[in-house]
Amino acid sequence: MAFHPGETAILSVEVKDVSGFLDPDSITVSIFDPRNFQIVNEEAMTKDETGKYHYDLQPDSVIGKYEIIYTAVHGSRIVKERDFLVVEEL
């Protein structure tokens, strides 16, 4: 799904272990715009319920593919997941 400049993209992630949902010690998001400039640096995500988190992003006017990196920390384990968001002209 593509977004347009000025729209709010709700980035969501679910964290699970083998027994179901898990609340990590921390979960953050980092975002790079299409020029590879980091526009969000390890900001905490909002908890919706156990194991479910979101972050509201309002992309700037830079058109293209944004890279999103989620980082979950639980004890000594660090897990990263990468995703992408496309911003198109109206």
PDB file of N, CA and C in Angstrom:
ATOM      1  N   MET A   1       0.836  -1.171   0.000  1.00  0.00           N
ATOM      2  CA  MET A   1       0.000   0.000   0.000  1.00  0.00           C
ATOM      3  C   MET A   1       0.887   1.243   0.000  1.00  0.00           C
ATOM      4  N   ALA A   2       0.503   2.208  -0.775  1.00  0.00           N
ATOM      5  CA  ALA A   2       1.271   3.447  -0.866  1.00  0.00           C
ATOM      6  C   ALA A   2       0.576   4.561  -0.089  1.00  0.00           C
ATOM      7  N   PHE A   3       1.370   5.478   0.414  1.00  0.00           N
ATOM      8  CA  PHE A   3       0.871   6.652   1.126  1.00  0.00           C
ATOM      9  C   PHE A   3       1.285   7.889   0.354  1.00  0.00           C
ATOM     10  N   HIS A   4       0.668   9.000   0.707  1.00  0.00           N
ATOM     11  CA  HIS A   4       0.974  10.284   0.084  1.00  0.00           C
ATOM     12  C   HIS A   4       1.521  11.219   1.153  1.00  0.00           C
ATOM     13  N   PRO A   5       2.344  12.198   0.760  1.00  0.00           N
ATOM     14  CA  PRO A   5       2.857  13.156   1.745  1.00  0.00           C
ATOM     15  C   PRO A   5       1.710  13.780   2.538  1.00  0.00           C
ATOM     16  N   GLY A   6       1.882  13.872   3.854  1.00  0.00           N
ATOM     17  CA  GLY A   6       0.861  14.453   4.719  1.00  0.00           C
ATOM     18  C   GLY A   6      -0.089  13.436   5.325  1.00  0.00           C
ATOM     19  N   GLU A   7      -0.187  12.244   4.750  1.00  0.00           N
ATOM     20  CA  GLU A   7      -1.032  11.208   5.336  1.00  0.00           C
ATOM     21  C   GLU A   7      -0.291  10.550   6.502  1.00  0.00           C
ATOM     22  N   THR A   8      -1.050   9.990   7.433  1.00  0.00           N
ATOM     23  CA  THR A   8      -0.439   9.280   8.557  1.00  0.00           C
ATOM     24  C   THR A   8      -0.424   7.789   8.266  1.00  0.00           C
ATOM     25  N   ALA A   9       0.754   7.206   8.315  1.00  0.00           N
ATOM     26  CA  ALA A   9       0.915   5.761   8.166  1.00  0.00           C
ATOM     27  C   ALA A   9       1.060   5.172   9.565  1.00  0.00           C
ATOM     28  N   ILE A  10       0.227   4.194   9.887  1.00  0.00           N
ATOM     29  CA  ILE A  10       0.323   3.524  11.175  1.00  0.00           C
ATOM     30  C   ILE A  10       1.165   2.273  10.980  1.00  0.00           C
ATOM     31  N   LEU A  11       2.375   2.310  11.514  1.00  0.00           N
ATOM     32  CA  LEU A  11       3.286   1.180  11.417  1.00  0.00           C
ATOM     33  C   LEU A  11       3.019   0.265  12.601  1.00  0.00           C
ATOM     34  N   SER A  12       2.743  -0.997  12.337  1.00  0.00           N
ATOM     35  CA  SER A  12       2.425  -1.902  13.446  1.00  0.00           C
ATOM     36  C   SER A  12       3.273  -3.156  13.367  1.00  0.00           C
ATOM     37  N   VAL A  13       3.497  -3.730  14.543  1.00  0.00           N
ATOM     38  CA  VAL A  13       4.307  -4.936  14.644  1.00  0.00           C
ATOM     39  C   VAL A  13       3.755  -5.797  15.779  1.00  0.00           C
ATOM     40  N   GLU A  14       3.858  -7.112  15.589  1.00  0.00           N
ATOM     41  CA  GLU A  14       3.481  -8.066  16.631  1.00  0.00           C
ATOM     42  C   GLU A  14       4.740  -8.809  17.056  1.00  0.00           C
ATOM     43  N   VAL A  15       4.898  -8.992  18.361  1.00  0.00           N
ATOM     44  CA  VAL A  15       6.053  -9.697  18.909  1.00  0.00           C
ATOM     45  C   VAL A  15       5.538 -10.978  19.555  1.00  0.00           C
ATOM     46  N   LYS A  16       6.080 -12.121  19.102  1.00  0.00           N
ATOM     47  CA  LYS A  16       5.641 -13.422  19.615  1.00  0.00           C
ATOM     48  C   LYS A  16       6.844 -14.276  19.953  1.00  0.00           C
ATOM     49  N   ASP A  17       6.636 -15.166  20.912  1.00  0.00           N
ATOM     50  CA  ASP A  17       7.608 -16.222  21.141  1.00  0.00           C
ATOM     51  C   ASP A  17       6.897 -17.535  20.832  1.00  0.00           C
ATOM     52  N   VAL A  18       7.500 -18.666  21.119  1.00  0.00           N
ATOM     53  CA  VAL A  18       6.903 -19.954  20.765  1.00  0.00           C
ATOM     54  C   VAL A  18       5.591 -20.221  21.497  1.00  0.00           C
ATOM     55  N   SER A  19       5.363 -19.546  22.626  1.00  0.00           N
ATOM     56  CA  SER A  19       4.135 -19.793  23.383  1.00  0.00           C
ATOM     57  C   SER A  19       3.046 -18.759  23.115  1.00  0.00           C
ATOM     58  N   GLY A  20       3.289 -17.830  22.212  1.00  0.00           N
ATOM     59  CA  GLY A  20       2.276 -16.816  21.905  1.00  0.00           C
ATOM     60  C   GLY A  20       2.868 -15.423  21.961  1.00  0.00           C
ATOM     61  N   PHE A  21       2.042 -14.462  22.301  1.00  0.00           N
ATOM     62  CA  PHE A  21       2.500 -13.074  22.331  1.00  0.00           C
ATOM     63  C   PHE A  21       3.446 -12.825  23.492  1.00  0.00           C
ATOM     64  N   LEU A  22       4.315 -11.847  23.312  1.00  0.00           N
ATOM     65  CA  LEU A  22       5.346 -11.550  24.281  1.00  0.00           C
ATOM     66  C   LEU A  22       5.490 -10.050  24.420  1.00  0.00           C
ATOM     67  N   ASP A  23       5.670  -9.574  25.628  1.00  0.00           N
ATOM     68  CA  ASP A  23       6.013  -8.174  25.850  1.00  0.00           C
ATOM     69  C   ASP A  23       7.520  -8.089  26.017  1.00  0.00           C
ATOM     70  N   PRO A  24       8.208  -7.540  25.026  1.00  0.00           N
ATOM     71  CA  PRO A  24       9.659  -7.411  25.154  1.00  0.00           C
ATOM     72  C   PRO A  24      10.008  -6.354  26.195  1.00  0.00           C
ATOM     73  N   ASP A  25      11.267  -6.339  26.596  1.00  0.00           N
ATOM     74  CA  ASP A  25      11.735  -5.302  27.522  1.00  0.00           C
ATOM     75  C   ASP A  25      11.629  -3.928  26.877  1.00  0.00           C
ATOM     76  N   SER A  26      11.897  -3.874  25.563  1.00  0.00           N
ATOM     77  CA  SER A  26      11.734  -2.628  24.821  1.00  0.00           C
ATOM     78  C   SER A  26      11.498  -2.942  23.353  1.00  0.00           C
ATOM     79  N   ILE A  27      10.819  -2.040  22.671  1.00  0.00           N
ATOM     80  CA  ILE A  27      10.649  -2.150  21.223  1.00  0.00           C
ATOM     81  C   ILE A  27      10.708  -0.750  20.642  1.00  0.00           C
ATOM     82  N   THR A  28      11.590  -0.588  19.653  1.00  0.00           N
ATOM     83  CA  THR A  28      11.807   0.719  19.058  1.00  0.00           C
ATOM     84  C   THR A  28      11.699   0.623  17.535  1.00  0.00           C
ATOM     85  N   VAL A  29      11.599   1.787  16.910  1.00  0.00           N
ATOM     86  CA  VAL A  29      11.542   1.853  15.452  1.00  0.00           C
ATOM     87  C   VAL A  29      12.544   2.907  14.970  1.00  0.00           C
ATOM     88  N   SER A  30      13.227   2.583  13.893  1.00  0.00           N
ATOM     89  CA  SER A  30      14.110   3.516  13.195  1.00  0.00           C
ATOM     90  C   SER A  30      13.638   3.582  11.750  1.00  0.00           C
ATOM     91  N   ILE A  31      13.678   4.781  11.161  1.00  0.00           N
ATOM     92  CA  ILE A  31      13.152   4.953   9.807  1.00  0.00           C
ATOM     93  C   ILE A  31      14.144   5.774   8.981  1.00  0.00           C
ATOM     94  N   PHE A  32      14.391   5.300   7.761  1.00  0.00           N
ATOM     95  CA  PHE A  32      15.272   5.980   6.806  1.00  0.00           C
ATOM     96  C   PHE A  32      14.447   6.378   5.592  1.00  0.00           C
ATOM     97  N   ASP A  33      14.608   7.624   5.148  1.00  0.00           N
ATOM     98  CA  ASP A  33      13.857   8.065   3.972  1.00  0.00           C
ATOM     99  C   ASP A  33      14.544   7.559   2.701  1.00  0.00           C
ATOM    100  N   PRO A  34      13.962   7.814   1.521  1.00  0.00           N
ATOM    101  CA  PRO A  34      14.534   7.291   0.272  1.00  0.00           C
ATOM    102  C   PRO A  34      15.960   7.776  -0.028  1.00  0.00           C
ATOM    103  N   ARG A  35      16.388   8.872   0.603  1.00  0.00           N
ATOM    104  CA  ARG A  35      17.759   9.359   0.412  1.00  0.00           C
ATOM    105  C   ARG A  35      18.721   8.709   1.399  1.00  0.00           C
ATOM    106  N   ASN A  36      18.197   7.794   2.224  1.00  0.00           N
ATOM    107  CA  ASN A  36      18.923   7.083   3.272  1.00  0.00           C
ATOM    108  C   ASN A  36      19.268   7.980   4.466  1.00  0.00           C
ATOM    109  N   PHE A  37      18.509   9.080   4.646  1.00  0.00           N
ATOM    110  CA  PHE A  37      18.644   9.905   5.843  1.00  0.00           C
ATOM    111  C   PHE A  37      17.789   9.292   6.940  1.00  0.00           C
ATOM    112  N   GLN A  38      18.341   9.162   8.139  1.00  0.00           N
ATOM    113  CA  GLN A  38      17.577   8.620   9.251  1.00  0.00           C
ATOM    114  C   GLN A  38      16.668   9.723   9.796  1.00  0.00           C
ATOM    115  N   ILE A  39      15.352   9.502   9.678  1.00  0.00           N
ATOM    116  CA  ILE A  39      14.378  10.501  10.131  1.00  0.00           C
ATOM    117  C   ILE A  39      13.767  10.144  11.482  1.00  0.00           C
ATOM    118  N   VAL A  40      13.894   8.887  11.890  1.00  0.00           N
ATOM    119  CA  VAL A  40      13.459   8.433  13.217  1.00  0.00           C
ATOM    120  C   VAL A  40      14.578   7.539  13.742  1.00  0.00           C
ATOM    121  N   ASN A  41      15.050   7.828  14.967  1.00  0.00           N
ATOM    122  CA  ASN A  41      16.181   7.093  15.530  1.00  0.00           C
ATOM    123  C   ASN A  41      15.769   6.361  16.801  1.00  0.00           C
ATOM    124  N   GLU A  42      15.463   5.088  16.674  1.00  0.00           N
ATOM    125  CA  GLU A  42      15.156   4.208  17.798  1.00  0.00           C
ATOM    126  C   GLU A  42      14.153   4.821  18.774  1.00  0.00           C
ATOM    127  N   GLU A  43      13.029   5.273  18.235  1.00  0.00           N
ATOM    128  CA  GLU A  43      11.969   5.810  19.091  1.00  0.00           C
ATOM    129  C   GLU A  43      11.087   4.668  19.594  1.00  0.00           C
ATOM    130  N   ALA A  44      10.640   4.797  20.834  1.00  0.00           N
ATOM    131  CA  ALA A  44       9.781   3.779  21.431  1.00  0.00           C
ATOM    132  C   ALA A  44       8.452   3.709  20.691  1.00  0.00           C
ATOM    133  N   MET A  45       7.924   2.500  20.570  1.00  0.00           N
ATOM    134  CA  MET A  45       6.619   2.306  19.943  1.00  0.00           C
ATOM    135  C   MET A  45       5.541   2.297  21.019  1.00  0.00           C
ATOM    136  N   THR A  46       4.315   2.568  20.629  1.00  0.00           N
ATOM    137  CA  THR A  46       3.171   2.585  21.544  1.00  0.00           C
ATOM    138  C   THR A  46       2.604   1.176  21.681  1.00  0.00           C
ATOM    139  N   LYS A  47       2.397   0.738  22.909  1.00  0.00           N
ATOM    140  CA  LYS A  47       1.828  -0.590  23.161  1.00  0.00           C
ATOM    141  C   LYS A  47       0.310  -0.520  23.037  1.00  0.00           C
ATOM    142  N   ASP A  48      -0.257  -1.398  22.196  1.00  0.00           N
ATOM    143  CA  ASP A  48      -1.711  -1.489  22.034  1.00  0.00           C
ATOM    144  C   ASP A  48      -2.295  -2.557  22.948  1.00  0.00           C
ATOM    145  N   GLU A  49      -1.622  -3.675  23.018  1.00  0.00           N
ATOM    146  CA  GLU A  49      -1.972  -4.782  23.916  1.00  0.00           C
ATOM    147  C   GLU A  49      -0.765  -5.701  23.964  1.00  0.00           C
ATOM    148  N   THR A  50      -0.844  -6.774  24.720  1.00  0.00           N
ATOM    149  CA  THR A  50       0.305  -7.669  24.860  1.00  0.00           C
ATOM    150  C   THR A  50       0.819  -8.098  23.493  1.00  0.00           C
ATOM    151  N   GLY A  51       2.081  -7.779  23.234  1.00  0.00           N
ATOM    152  CA  GLY A  51       2.723  -8.190  22.000  1.00  0.00           C
ATOM    153  C   GLY A  51       2.385  -7.376  20.763  1.00  0.00           C
ATOM    154  N   LYS A  52       1.542  -6.353  20.882  1.00  0.00           N
ATOM    155  CA  LYS A  52       1.148  -5.552  19.721  1.00  0.00           C
ATOM    156  C   LYS A  52       1.486  -4.081  19.961  1.00  0.00           C
ATOM    157  N   TYR A  53       2.202  -3.508  18.980  1.00  0.00           N
ATOM    158  CA  TYR A  53       2.719  -2.146  19.109  1.00  0.00           C
ATOM    159  C   TYR A  53       2.509  -1.388  17.806  1.00  0.00           C
ATOM    160  N   HIS A  54       2.480  -0.037  17.913  1.00  0.00           N
ATOM    161  CA  HIS A  54       2.377   0.775  16.701  1.00  0.00           C
ATOM    162  C   HIS A  54       3.171   2.070  16.845  1.00  0.00           C
ATOM    163  N   TYR A  55       3.404   2.688  15.696  1.00  0.00           N
ATOM    164  CA  TYR A  55       4.070   3.990  15.640  1.00  0.00           C
ATOM    165  C   TYR A  55       3.421   4.766  14.500  1.00  0.00           C
ATOM    166  N   ASP A  56       3.004   5.993  14.761  1.00  0.00           N
ATOM    167  CA  ASP A  56       2.385   6.831  13.734  1.00  0.00           C
ATOM    168  C   ASP A  56       3.468   7.630  13.028  1.00  0.00           C
ATOM    169  N   LEU A  57       3.511   7.513  11.710  1.00  0.00           N
ATOM    170  CA  LEU A  57       4.488   8.235  10.905  1.00  0.00           C
ATOM    171  C   LEU A  57       3.761   9.094   9.892  1.00  0.00           C
ATOM    172  N   GLN A  58       4.127  10.342   9.844  1.00  0.00           N
ATOM    173  CA  GLN A  58       3.615  11.227   8.804  1.00  0.00           C
ATOM    174  C   GLN A  58       4.805  11.529   7.888  1.00  0.00           C
ATOM    175  N   PRO A  59       4.893  10.793   6.759  1.00  0.00           N
ATOM    176  CA  PRO A  59       6.049  10.963   5.874  1.00  0.00           C
ATOM    177  C   PRO A  59       6.171  12.400   5.382  1.00  0.00           C
ATOM    178  N   ASP A  60       7.424  12.832   5.226  1.00  0.00           N
ATOM    179  CA  ASP A  60       7.634  14.177   4.699  1.00  0.00           C
ATOM    180  C   ASP A  60       7.390  14.174   3.191  1.00  0.00           C
ATOM    181  N   SER A  61       7.826  15.179   2.517  1.00  0.00           N
ATOM    182  CA  SER A  61       7.530  15.317   1.093  1.00  0.00           C
ATOM    183  C   SER A  61       8.464  14.520   0.184  1.00  0.00           C
ATOM    184  N   VAL A  62       9.364  13.739   0.762  1.00  0.00           N
ATOM    185  CA  VAL A  62      10.293  12.946  -0.044  1.00  0.00           C
ATOM    186  C   VAL A  62       9.552  11.715  -0.584  1.00  0.00           C
ATOM    187  N   ILE A  63       9.490  11.625  -1.906  1.00  0.00           N
ATOM    188  CA  ILE A  63       8.798  10.529  -2.577  1.00  0.00           C
ATOM    189  C   ILE A  63       9.749   9.342  -2.712  1.00  0.00           C
ATOM    190  N   GLY A  64       9.207   8.127  -2.523  1.00  0.00           N
ATOM    191  CA  GLY A  64      10.007   6.926  -2.703  1.00  0.00           C
ATOM    192  C   GLY A  64       9.786   5.917  -1.596  1.00  0.00           C
ATOM    193  N   LYS A  65      10.759   4.996  -1.454  1.00  0.00           N
ATOM    194  CA  LYS A  65      10.643   3.892  -0.499  1.00  0.00           C
ATOM    195  C   LYS A  65      11.379   4.218   0.794  1.00  0.00           C
ATOM    196  N   TYR A  66      10.660   4.143   1.917  1.00  0.00           N
ATOM    197  CA  TYR A  66      11.212   4.356   3.246  1.00  0.00           C
ATOM    198  C   TYR A  66      11.535   2.995   3.856  1.00  0.00           C
ATOM    199  N   GLU A  67      12.672   2.888   4.516  1.00  0.00           N
ATOM    200  CA  GLU A  67      13.052   1.652   5.201  1.00  0.00           C
ATOM    201  C   GLU A  67      12.724   1.789   6.680  1.00  0.00           C
ATOM    202  N   ILE A  68      12.082   0.765   7.225  1.00  0.00           N
ATOM    203  CA  ILE A  68      11.660   0.746   8.623  1.00  0.00           C
ATOM    204  C   ILE A  68      12.357  -0.427   9.306  1.00  0.00           C
ATOM    205  N   ILE A  69      12.987  -0.159  10.451  1.00  0.00           N
ATOM    206  CA  ILE A  69      13.642  -1.227  11.208  1.00  0.00           C
ATOM    207  C   ILE A  69      13.058  -1.253  12.617  1.00  0.00           C
ATOM    208  N   TYR A  70      12.420  -2.361  12.957  1.00  0.00           N
ATOM    209  CA  TYR A  70      11.885  -2.575  14.297  1.00  0.00           C
ATOM    210  C   TYR A  70      12.935  -3.349  15.092  1.00  0.00           C
ATOM    211  N   THR A  71      13.168  -2.948  16.335  1.00  0.00           N
ATOM    212  CA  THR A  71      14.122  -3.652  17.192  1.00  0.00           C
ATOM    213  C   THR A  71      13.444  -3.998  18.507  1.00  0.00           C
ATOM    214  N   ALA A  72      13.357  -5.295  18.801  1.00  0.00           N
ATOM    215  CA  ALA A  72      12.783  -5.770  20.056  1.00  0.00           C
ATOM    216  C   ALA A  72      13.900  -6.369  20.905  1.00  0.00           C
ATOM    217  N   VAL A  73      13.924  -5.997  22.186  1.00  0.00           N
ATOM    218  CA  VAL A  73      14.917  -6.520  23.121  1.00  0.00           C
ATOM    219  C   VAL A  73      14.173  -7.236  24.240  1.00  0.00           C
ATOM    220  N   HIS A  74      14.578  -8.476  24.499  1.00  0.00           N
ATOM    221  CA  HIS A  74      13.990  -9.258  25.592  1.00  0.00           C
ATOM    222  C   HIS A  74      15.141 -10.009  26.267  1.00  0.00           C
ATOM    223  N   GLY A  75      15.505  -9.547  27.459  1.00  0.00           N
ATOM    224  CA  GLY A  75      16.665 -10.133  28.139  1.00  0.00           C
ATOM    225  C   GLY A  75      17.909  -9.854  27.319  1.00  0.00           C
ATOM    226  N   SER A  76      18.643 -10.906  26.995  1.00  0.00           N
ATOM    227  CA  SER A  76      19.860 -10.733  26.202  1.00  0.00           C
ATOM    228  C   SER A  76      19.607 -10.916  24.703  1.00  0.00           C
ATOM    229  N   ARG A  77      18.360 -11.163  24.335  1.00  0.00           N
ATOM    230  CA  ARG A  77      18.031 -11.405  22.926  1.00  0.00           C
ATOM    231  C   ARG A  77      17.582 -10.116  22.247  1.00  0.00           C
ATOM    232  N   ILE A  78      18.167  -9.842  21.088  1.00  0.00           N
ATOM    233  CA  ILE A  78      17.793  -8.677  20.280  1.00  0.00           C
ATOM    234  C   ILE A  78      17.327  -9.188  18.923  1.00  0.00           C
ATOM    235  N   VAL A  79      16.117  -8.798  18.543  1.00  0.00           N
ATOM    236  CA  VAL A  79      15.547  -9.226  17.269  1.00  0.00           C
ATOM    237  C   VAL A  79      15.195  -7.987  16.458  1.00  0.00           C
ATOM    238  N   LYS A  80      15.604  -7.991  15.188  1.00  0.00           N
ATOM    239  CA  LYS A  80      15.301  -6.873  14.289  1.00  0.00           C
ATOM    240  C   LYS A  80      14.460  -7.380  13.128  1.00  0.00           C
ATOM    241  N   GLU A  81      13.535  -6.544  12.702  1.00  0.00           N
ATOM    242  CA  GLU A  81      12.712  -6.851  11.534  1.00  0.00           C
ATOM    243  C   GLU A  81      12.714  -5.627  10.637  1.00  0.00           C
ATOM    244  N   ARG A  82      12.816  -5.862   9.345  1.00  0.00           N
ATOM    245  CA  ARG A  82      12.889  -4.776   8.369  1.00  0.00           C
ATOM    246  C   ARG A  82      11.617  -4.764   7.537  1.00  0.00           C
ATOM    247  N   ASP A  83      11.141  -3.562   7.229  1.00  0.00           N
ATOM    248  CA  ASP A  83       9.938  -3.388   6.422  1.00  0.00           C
ATOM    249  C   ASP A  83      10.130  -2.154   5.550  1.00  0.00           C
ATOM    250  N   PHE A  84       9.212  -1.935   4.617  1.00  0.00           N
ATOM    251  CA  PHE A  84       9.292  -0.783   3.742  1.00  0.00           C
ATOM    252  C   PHE A  84       7.940  -0.116   3.603  1.00  0.00           C
ATOM    253  N   LEU A  85       7.967   1.170   3.320  1.00  0.00           N
ATOM    254  CA  LEU A  85       6.760   1.974   3.101  1.00  0.00           C
ATOM    255  C   LEU A  85       7.023   2.830   1.876  1.00  0.00           C
ATOM    256  N   VAL A  86       6.058   2.890   0.964  1.00  0.00           N
ATOM    257  CA  VAL A  86       6.215   3.683  -0.251  1.00  0.00           C
ATOM    258  C   VAL A  86       5.371   4.945  -0.142  1.00  0.00           C
ATOM    259  N   VAL A  87       5.989   6.075  -0.464  1.00  0.00           N
ATOM    260  CA  VAL A  87       5.284   7.364  -0.495  1.00  0.00           C
ATOM    261  C   VAL A  87       5.268   7.825  -1.950  1.00  0.00           C
ATOM    262  N   GLU A  88       4.057   8.079  -2.468  1.00  0.00           N
ATOM    263  CA  GLU A  88       3.880   8.494  -3.858  1.00  0.00           C
ATOM    264  C   GLU A  88       3.304   9.899  -3.925  1.00  0.00           C
ATOM    265  N   GLU A  89       3.481  10.533  -5.072  1.00  0.00           N
ATOM    266  CA  GLU A  89       2.866  11.829  -5.297  1.00  0.00           C
ATOM    267  C   GLU A  89       1.354  11.656  -5.415  1.00  0.00           C
ATOM    268  N   LEU A  90       0.628  12.703  -5.098  1.00  0.00           N
ATOM    269  CA  LEU A  90      -0.842  12.657  -5.235  1.00  0.00           C
ATOM    270  C   LEU A  90      -1.246  12.554  -6.683  1.00  0.00           C
TER     271      LEU A  90
END
